[in-house]
Amino acid sequence: MKSFLQRHLGAWATGPTAVKIMAFGVIGLGNTVIDLAVFTFGYQVLGLPLVPANVLAWLIAVSGSYVMNTMVTFRAESGRVLRRKDYFSFVASGILGVIATTTTLVVLSNFIPVYAAKLASILAGFIVNFTMSHFVVFRPKPPTGIVD
């Protein structure tokens, strides 16, 4: 009998979840460019402190991420329909991601250069954001008319 962890890690490594992780990652790369550009503009051009520059970058990137993930990664679950409720759910779940990225950025920036800390914070955010999107925001809806 396989352990719970082995069964679930195996499911993530193959099949539809692996495809979703890859699509989420590719979209995330595009959003990383947006995030870094907005962060750089806010931090270097506008002279914003780390936290406001990071939050501004996140707000802009998360909006693009919602649209792209609705249309591509979680198209089966979303029906490729943009919904205000889903957007706010995506943003709300992303708050955990922005907390993870901001905490990582602030802590690591005390030990390594700011942009290295920013890249590490993006990785932390990716993990949190995919998990929340997969299990909370875009979870498959139960078939209607069937009672458990």
C-alpha atoms as a PDB file:
ATOM      1  CA  MET A   1       0.000   0.000   0.000  1.00  0.00           C
ATOM      2  CA  LYS A   2       1.390   3.360  -1.012  1.00  0.00           C
ATOM      3  CA  SER A   3       1.553   6.064   1.552  1.00  0.00           C
ATOM      4  CA  PHE A   4      -0.661   9.128   1.239  1.00  0.00           C
ATOM      5  CA  LEU A   5       2.348  11.241   0.305  1.00  0.00           C
ATOM      6  CA  GLN A   6       3.530   8.850  -2.417  1.00  0.00           C
ATOM      7  CA  ARG A   7       0.060   8.682  -4.003  1.00  0.00           C
ATOM      8  CA  HIS A   8      -0.313  12.454  -4.087  1.00  0.00           C
ATOM      9  CA  LEU A   9       3.232  13.252  -5.202  1.00  0.00           C
ATOM     10  CA  GLY A  10       2.806  10.726  -8.005  1.00  0.00           C
ATOM     11  CA  ALA A  11      -0.414  12.429  -9.091  1.00  0.00           C
ATOM     12  CA  TRP A  12       1.325  15.817  -9.203  1.00  0.00           C
ATOM     13  CA  ALA A  13       4.237  14.498 -11.255  1.00  0.00           C
ATOM     14  CA  THR A  14       2.126  12.975 -14.023  1.00  0.00           C
ATOM     15  CA  GLY A  15      -1.094  13.627 -15.822  1.00  0.00           C
ATOM     16  CA  PRO A  16      -3.281  16.705 -15.870  1.00  0.00           C
ATOM     17  CA  THR A  17      -1.812  18.257 -12.733  1.00  0.00           C
ATOM     18  CA  ALA A  18       1.685  18.254 -14.219  1.00  0.00           C
ATOM     19  CA  VAL A  19       0.346  19.965 -17.353  1.00  0.00           C
ATOM     20  CA  LYS A  20      -1.369  22.563 -15.179  1.00  0.00           C
ATOM     21  CA  ILE A  21       1.827  23.155 -13.218  1.00  0.00           C
ATOM     22  CA  MET A  22       3.732  23.699 -16.471  1.00  0.00           C
ATOM     23  CA  ALA A  23       1.085  26.066 -17.882  1.00  0.00           C
ATOM     24  CA  PHE A  24       0.938  27.932 -14.565  1.00  0.00           C
ATOM     25  CA  GLY A  25       4.740  28.186 -14.675  1.00  0.00           C
ATOM     26  CA  VAL A  26       4.862  29.544 -18.225  1.00  0.00           C
ATOM     27  CA  ILE A  27       2.193  32.123 -17.395  1.00  0.00           C
ATOM     28  CA  GLY A  28       4.116  32.823 -14.209  1.00  0.00           C
ATOM     29  CA  LEU A  29       7.246  33.589 -16.230  1.00  0.00           C
ATOM     30  CA  GLY A  30       5.363  36.258 -18.155  1.00  0.00           C
ATOM     31  CA  ASN A  31       3.959  37.640 -14.933  1.00  0.00           C
ATOM     32  CA  THR A  32       7.445  37.575 -13.419  1.00  0.00           C
ATOM     33  CA  VAL A  33       8.624  39.923 -16.161  1.00  0.00           C
ATOM     34  CA  ILE A  34       5.654  42.198 -15.452  1.00  0.00           C
ATOM     35  CA  ASP A  35       6.229  41.954 -11.696  1.00  0.00           C
ATOM     36  CA  LEU A  36       9.940  42.743 -12.004  1.00  0.00           C
ATOM     37  CA  ALA A  37       9.303  45.656 -14.383  1.00  0.00           C
ATOM     38  CA  VAL A  38       6.675  47.227 -12.132  1.00  0.00           C
ATOM     39  CA  PHE A  39       8.768  46.544  -9.021  1.00  0.00           C
ATOM     40  CA  THR A  40      11.817  48.151 -10.636  1.00  0.00           C
ATOM     41  CA  PHE A  41       9.794  51.143 -11.775  1.00  0.00           C
ATOM     42  CA  GLY A  42       8.274  51.598  -8.315  1.00  0.00           C
ATOM     43  CA  TYR A  43      11.492  50.957  -6.386  1.00  0.00           C
ATOM     44  CA  GLN A  44      14.037  52.754  -8.566  1.00  0.00           C
ATOM     45  CA  VAL A  45      12.081  55.357 -10.523  1.00  0.00           C
ATOM     46  CA  LEU A  46       9.365  56.307  -8.050  1.00  0.00           C
ATOM     47  CA  GLY A  47      11.583  55.672  -5.019  1.00  0.00           C
ATOM     48  CA  LEU A  48       8.971  53.555  -3.249  1.00  0.00           C
ATOM     49  CA  PRO A  49      10.078  51.464  -0.258  1.00  0.00           C
ATOM     50  CA  LEU A  50      10.372  47.682  -0.751  1.00  0.00           C
ATOM     51  CA  VAL A  51       6.928  46.712   0.549  1.00  0.00           C
ATOM     52  CA  PRO A  52       4.810  49.233  -1.421  1.00  0.00           C
ATOM     53  CA  ALA A  53       6.839  48.575  -4.590  1.00  0.00           C
ATOM     54  CA  ASN A  54       6.333  44.832  -4.140  1.00  0.00           C
ATOM     55  CA  VAL A  55       2.599  45.128  -3.439  1.00  0.00           C
ATOM     56  CA  LEU A  56       2.074  47.402  -6.468  1.00  0.00           C
ATOM     57  CA  ALA A  57       3.942  44.939  -8.683  1.00  0.00           C
ATOM     58  CA  TRP A  58       1.894  42.073  -7.268  1.00  0.00           C
ATOM     59  CA  LEU A  59      -1.464  43.799  -7.839  1.00  0.00           C
ATOM     60  CA  ILE A  60      -0.713  44.371 -11.492  1.00  0.00           C
ATOM     61  CA  ALA A  61       0.781  40.914 -12.067  1.00  0.00           C
ATOM     62  CA  VAL A  62      -2.019  39.067 -10.225  1.00  0.00           C
ATOM     63  CA  SER A  63      -4.647  40.666 -12.464  1.00  0.00           C
ATOM     64  CA  GLY A  64      -2.883  39.454 -15.600  1.00  0.00           C
ATOM     65  CA  SER A  65      -2.336  36.073 -13.997  1.00  0.00           C
ATOM     66  CA  TYR A  66      -6.039  35.670 -13.273  1.00  0.00           C
ATOM     67  CA  VAL A  67      -6.985  36.355 -16.893  1.00  0.00           C
ATOM     68  CA  MET A  68      -4.338  34.068 -18.376  1.00  0.00           C
ATOM     69  CA  ASN A  69      -4.910  31.214 -15.922  1.00  0.00           C
ATOM     70  CA  THR A  70      -8.673  31.413 -16.443  1.00  0.00           C
ATOM     71  CA  MET A  71      -8.209  31.162 -20.204  1.00  0.00           C
ATOM     72  CA  VAL A  72      -5.420  28.565 -20.270  1.00  0.00           C
ATOM     73  CA  THR A  73      -4.393  26.679 -17.137  1.00  0.00           C
ATOM     74  CA  PHE A  74      -7.791  26.224 -15.517  1.00  0.00           C
ATOM     75  CA  ARG A  75      -9.933  26.533 -18.656  1.00  0.00           C
ATOM     76  CA  ALA A  76     -11.862  23.331 -17.922  1.00  0.00           C
ATOM     77  CA  GLU A  77     -12.740  24.471 -14.419  1.00  0.00           C
ATOM     78  CA  SER A  78     -13.501  28.089 -15.358  1.00  0.00           C
ATOM     79  CA  GLY A  79     -15.149  27.549 -18.734  1.00  0.00           C
ATOM     80  CA  ARG A  80     -12.865  30.370 -19.920  1.00  0.00           C
ATOM     81  CA  VAL A  81     -15.280  32.847 -18.382  1.00  0.00           C
ATOM     82  CA  LEU A  82     -13.949  35.782 -16.382  1.00  0.00           C
ATOM     83  CA  ARG A  83     -16.076  36.262 -13.286  1.00  0.00           C
ATOM     84  CA  ARG A  84     -15.834  39.031 -10.744  1.00  0.00           C
ATOM     85  CA  LYS A  85     -16.374  36.526  -7.906  1.00  0.00           C
ATOM     86  CA  ASP A  86     -13.574  34.281  -9.210  1.00  0.00           C
ATOM     87  CA  TYR A  87     -11.271  37.274  -9.660  1.00  0.00           C
ATOM     88  CA  PHE A  88     -11.785  38.380  -6.076  1.00  0.00           C
ATOM     89  CA  SER A  89     -11.338  34.785  -4.897  1.00  0.00           C
ATOM     90  CA  PHE A  90      -8.107  34.579  -6.931  1.00  0.00           C
ATOM     91  CA  VAL A  91      -6.872  37.867  -5.485  1.00  0.00           C
ATOM     92  CA  ALA A  92      -7.888  36.848  -1.946  1.00  0.00           C
ATOM     93  CA  SER A  93      -6.085  33.529  -2.238  1.00  0.00           C
ATOM     94  CA  GLY A  94      -3.146  35.395  -3.734  1.00  0.00           C
ATOM     95  CA  ILE A  95      -2.850  37.395  -0.540  1.00  0.00           C
ATOM     96  CA  LEU A  96      -1.103  34.359   0.939  1.00  0.00           C
ATOM     97  CA  GLY A  97       1.240  34.510  -2.026  1.00  0.00           C
ATOM     98  CA  VAL A  98       1.986  38.210  -1.554  1.00  0.00           C
ATOM     99  CA  ILE A  99       2.595  37.601   2.142  1.00  0.00           C
ATOM    100  CA  ALA A 100       5.023  34.812   1.206  1.00  0.00           C
ATOM    101  CA  THR A 101       6.779  36.929  -1.429  1.00  0.00           C
ATOM    102  CA  THR A 102       6.998  40.040   0.719  1.00  0.00           C
ATOM    103  CA  THR A 103       8.239  38.145   3.770  1.00  0.00           C
ATOM    104  CA  THR A 104      10.824  36.307   1.684  1.00  0.00           C
ATOM    105  CA  LEU A 105      11.920  39.556   0.019  1.00  0.00           C
ATOM    106  CA  VAL A 106      12.283  41.506   3.251  1.00  0.00           C
ATOM    107  CA  VAL A 107      14.065  38.726   5.156  1.00  0.00           C
ATOM    108  CA  LEU A 108      16.438  37.710   2.358  1.00  0.00           C
ATOM    109  CA  SER A 109      17.256  41.314   1.412  1.00  0.00           C
ATOM    110  CA  ASN A 110      19.067  41.520   4.742  1.00  0.00           C
ATOM    111  CA  PHE A 111      21.456  38.763   3.594  1.00  0.00           C
ATOM    112  CA  ILE A 112      21.634  38.889  -0.214  1.00  0.00           C
ATOM    113  CA  PRO A 113      21.196  41.596  -2.895  1.00  0.00           C
ATOM    114  CA  VAL A 114      17.642  42.926  -3.277  1.00  0.00           C
ATOM    115  CA  TYR A 115      17.114  41.493  -6.765  1.00  0.00           C
ATOM    116  CA  ALA A 116      18.334  38.034  -5.737  1.00  0.00           C
ATOM    117  CA  ALA A 117      15.906  38.225  -2.815  1.00  0.00           C
ATOM    118  CA  LYS A 118      13.171  39.337  -5.224  1.00  0.00           C
ATOM    119  CA  LEU A 119      13.766  36.292  -7.452  1.00  0.00           C
ATOM    120  CA  ALA A 120      13.687  33.956  -4.439  1.00  0.00           C
ATOM    121  CA  SER A 121      10.468  35.615  -3.316  1.00  0.00           C
ATOM    122  CA  ILE A 122       8.895  34.936  -6.714  1.00  0.00           C
ATOM    123  CA  LEU A 123       9.648  31.215  -6.329  1.00  0.00           C
ATOM    124  CA  ALA A 124       8.040  31.184  -2.876  1.00  0.00           C
ATOM    125  CA  GLY A 125       5.011  32.943  -4.328  1.00  0.00           C
ATOM    126  CA  PHE A 126       4.766  30.453  -7.206  1.00  0.00           C
ATOM    127  CA  ILE A 127       4.468  27.539  -4.804  1.00  0.00           C
ATOM    128  CA  VAL A 128       1.838  29.219  -2.662  1.00  0.00           C
ATOM    129  CA  ASN A 129      -0.131  30.638  -5.603  1.00  0.00           C
ATOM    130  CA  PHE A 130      -0.331  27.393  -7.586  1.00  0.00           C
ATOM    131  CA  THR A 131      -1.424  25.470  -4.519  1.00  0.00           C
ATOM    132  CA  MET A 132      -4.163  27.996  -3.734  1.00  0.00           C
ATOM    133  CA  SER A 133      -5.315  28.207  -7.370  1.00  0.00           C
ATOM    134  CA  HIS A 134      -5.404  24.449  -7.824  1.00  0.00           C
ATOM    135  CA  PHE A 135      -7.093  23.538  -4.562  1.00  0.00           C
ATOM    136  CA  VAL A 136      -9.208  26.618  -3.783  1.00  0.00           C
ATOM    137  CA  VAL A 137      -9.932  29.035  -6.638  1.00  0.00           C
ATOM    138  CA  PHE A 138     -10.256  26.684  -9.618  1.00  0.00           C
ATOM    139  CA  ARG A 139     -11.129  23.445  -7.855  1.00  0.00           C
ATOM    140  CA  PRO A 140     -13.457  21.279  -9.932  1.00  0.00           C
ATOM    141  CA  LYS A 141     -17.086  21.877  -9.132  1.00  0.00           C
ATOM    142  CA  PRO A 142     -19.125  18.815  -8.150  1.00  0.00           C
ATOM    143  CA  PRO A 143     -21.615  17.613 -10.746  1.00  0.00           C
ATOM    144  CA  THR A 144     -25.050  19.097 -10.205  1.00  0.00           C
ATOM    145  CA  GLY A 145     -27.876  16.858  -9.072  1.00  0.00           C
ATOM    146  CA  ILE A 146     -25.617  14.325  -7.345  1.00  0.00           C
ATOM    147  CA  VAL A 147     -25.802  14.112  -3.586  1.00  0.00           C
ATOM    148  CA  ASP A 148     -22.977  12.529  -1.619  1.00  0.00           C
END
